[in-house]
Amino acid sequence: MQVALIKRVAASELQLSDEQMDQRLEQLAVLLPGLVPRLMNAPPKLVAKAAANVGGVAARLLELKQAFPQ
């Protein structure tokens, strides 16, 4: 119940449908597998901030990978 409420408030903040929010959270889960479970305990504003720019998160991860190759 709490997770659904957090997602709903975050979706509302970004003016997204529940389905769009779920898609963004799925994308974040692919990029950062441990992040989404933690976000579900975070304030809705933080969830909205994380989901607001998934493409930007991906770009930053690529920059980090280039800066710190294995």
C-alpha atoms as a PDB file:
ATOM      1  CA  MET A   1       0.000   0.000   0.000  1.00  0.00           C
ATOM      2  CA  GLN A   2       2.775   2.443   0.936  1.00  0.00           C
ATOM      3  CA  VAL A   3       4.675   1.699  -2.279  1.00  0.00           C
ATOM      4  CA  ALA A   4       1.597   2.385  -4.388  1.00  0.00           C
ATOM      5  CA  LEU A   5       1.046   5.685  -2.595  1.00  0.00           C
ATOM      6  CA  ILE A   6       4.665   6.763  -3.042  1.00  0.00           C
ATOM      7  CA  LYS A   7       4.540   5.922  -6.759  1.00  0.00           C
ATOM      8  CA  ARG A   8       1.186   7.690  -7.183  1.00  0.00           C
ATOM      9  CA  VAL A   9       2.370  10.894  -5.479  1.00  0.00           C
ATOM     10  CA  ALA A  10       5.629  10.866  -7.478  1.00  0.00           C
ATOM     11  CA  ALA A  11       3.718  10.292 -10.725  1.00  0.00           C
ATOM     12  CA  SER A  12       1.414  13.169  -9.882  1.00  0.00           C
ATOM     13  CA  GLU A  13       4.390  15.412  -9.174  1.00  0.00           C
ATOM     14  CA  LEU A  14       5.755  14.677 -12.668  1.00  0.00           C
ATOM     15  CA  GLN A  15       2.287  14.732 -14.259  1.00  0.00           C
ATOM     16  CA  LEU A  16       2.696  11.129 -15.404  1.00  0.00           C
ATOM     17  CA  SER A  17       0.263   8.252 -15.482  1.00  0.00           C
ATOM     18  CA  ASP A  18       0.842   5.315 -13.165  1.00  0.00           C
ATOM     19  CA  GLU A  19       1.940   3.276 -16.183  1.00  0.00           C
ATOM     20  CA  GLN A  20       4.468   5.905 -17.241  1.00  0.00           C
ATOM     21  CA  MET A  21       5.891   6.022 -13.712  1.00  0.00           C
ATOM     22  CA  ASP A  22       6.168   2.233 -13.661  1.00  0.00           C
ATOM     23  CA  GLN A  23       8.037   2.344 -16.984  1.00  0.00           C
ATOM     24  CA  ARG A  24      10.486   4.910 -15.673  1.00  0.00           C
ATOM     25  CA  LEU A  25      11.076   2.929 -12.507  1.00  0.00           C
ATOM     26  CA  GLU A  26      11.660  -0.199 -14.606  1.00  0.00           C
ATOM     27  CA  GLN A  27      14.220   1.715 -16.666  1.00  0.00           C
ATOM     28  CA  LEU A  28      15.947   2.892 -13.491  1.00  0.00           C
ATOM     29  CA  ALA A  29      15.969  -0.695 -12.218  1.00  0.00           C
ATOM     30  CA  VAL A  30      17.814  -1.784 -15.370  1.00  0.00           C
ATOM     31  CA  LEU A  31      20.355   1.023 -14.992  1.00  0.00           C
ATOM     32  CA  LEU A  32      20.771   0.788 -11.213  1.00  0.00           C
ATOM     33  CA  PRO A  33      19.366  -2.536  -9.975  1.00  0.00           C
ATOM     34  CA  GLY A  34      19.604  -1.768  -6.253  1.00  0.00           C
ATOM     35  CA  LEU A  35      18.083   1.693  -6.464  1.00  0.00           C
ATOM     36  CA  VAL A  36      14.373   1.062  -6.985  1.00  0.00           C
ATOM     37  CA  PRO A  37      13.783  -1.007  -3.831  1.00  0.00           C
ATOM     38  CA  ARG A  38      15.423   1.766  -1.829  1.00  0.00           C
ATOM     39  CA  LEU A  39      13.375   4.432  -3.583  1.00  0.00           C
ATOM     40  CA  MET A  40      10.191   2.701  -2.486  1.00  0.00           C
ATOM     41  CA  ASN A  41      11.065   3.718   1.075  1.00  0.00           C
ATOM     42  CA  ALA A  42      12.051   7.264   0.119  1.00  0.00           C
ATOM     43  CA  PRO A  43       9.942  10.420   0.124  1.00  0.00           C
ATOM     44  CA  PRO A  44       7.833  10.788  -3.047  1.00  0.00           C
ATOM     45  CA  LYS A  45       9.700  13.955  -4.060  1.00  0.00           C
ATOM     46  CA  LEU A  46      12.955  11.993  -4.186  1.00  0.00           C
ATOM     47  CA  VAL A  47      11.296   9.254  -6.240  1.00  0.00           C
ATOM     48  CA  ALA A  48       9.987  11.913  -8.637  1.00  0.00           C
ATOM     49  CA  LYS A  49      13.434  13.485  -8.904  1.00  0.00           C
ATOM     50  CA  ALA A  50      15.026  10.129  -9.728  1.00  0.00           C
ATOM     51  CA  ALA A  51      12.369   9.286 -12.320  1.00  0.00           C
ATOM     52  CA  ALA A  52      12.281  12.746 -13.887  1.00  0.00           C
ATOM     53  CA  ASN A  53      15.276  12.237 -16.168  1.00  0.00           C
ATOM     54  CA  VAL A  54      16.064   8.581 -16.766  1.00  0.00           C
ATOM     55  CA  GLY A  55      17.940   9.469 -19.947  1.00  0.00           C
ATOM     56  CA  GLY A  56      20.152  11.818 -17.945  1.00  0.00           C
ATOM     57  CA  VAL A  57      20.905   9.044 -15.468  1.00  0.00           C
ATOM     58  CA  ALA A  58      21.934   6.767 -18.332  1.00  0.00           C
ATOM     59  CA  ALA A  59      24.169   9.478 -19.798  1.00  0.00           C
ATOM     60  CA  ARG A  60      25.856  10.065 -16.445  1.00  0.00           C
ATOM     61  CA  LEU A  61      26.476   6.349 -16.005  1.00  0.00           C
ATOM     62  CA  LEU A  62      28.145   6.225 -19.423  1.00  0.00           C
ATOM     63  CA  GLU A  63      30.316   9.193 -18.477  1.00  0.00           C
ATOM     64  CA  LEU A  64      31.366   7.424 -15.277  1.00  0.00           C
ATOM     65  CA  LYS A  65      32.131   4.238 -17.149  1.00  0.00           C
ATOM     66  CA  GLN A  66      34.315   6.143 -19.601  1.00  0.00           C
ATOM     67  CA  ALA A  67      36.074   8.016 -16.817  1.00  0.00           C
ATOM     68  CA  PHE A  68      36.654   4.863 -14.755  1.00  0.00           C
ATOM     69  CA  PRO A  69      37.045   1.922 -17.121  1.00  0.00           C
ATOM     70  CA  GLN A  70      37.681  -1.483 -15.596  1.00  0.00           C
END
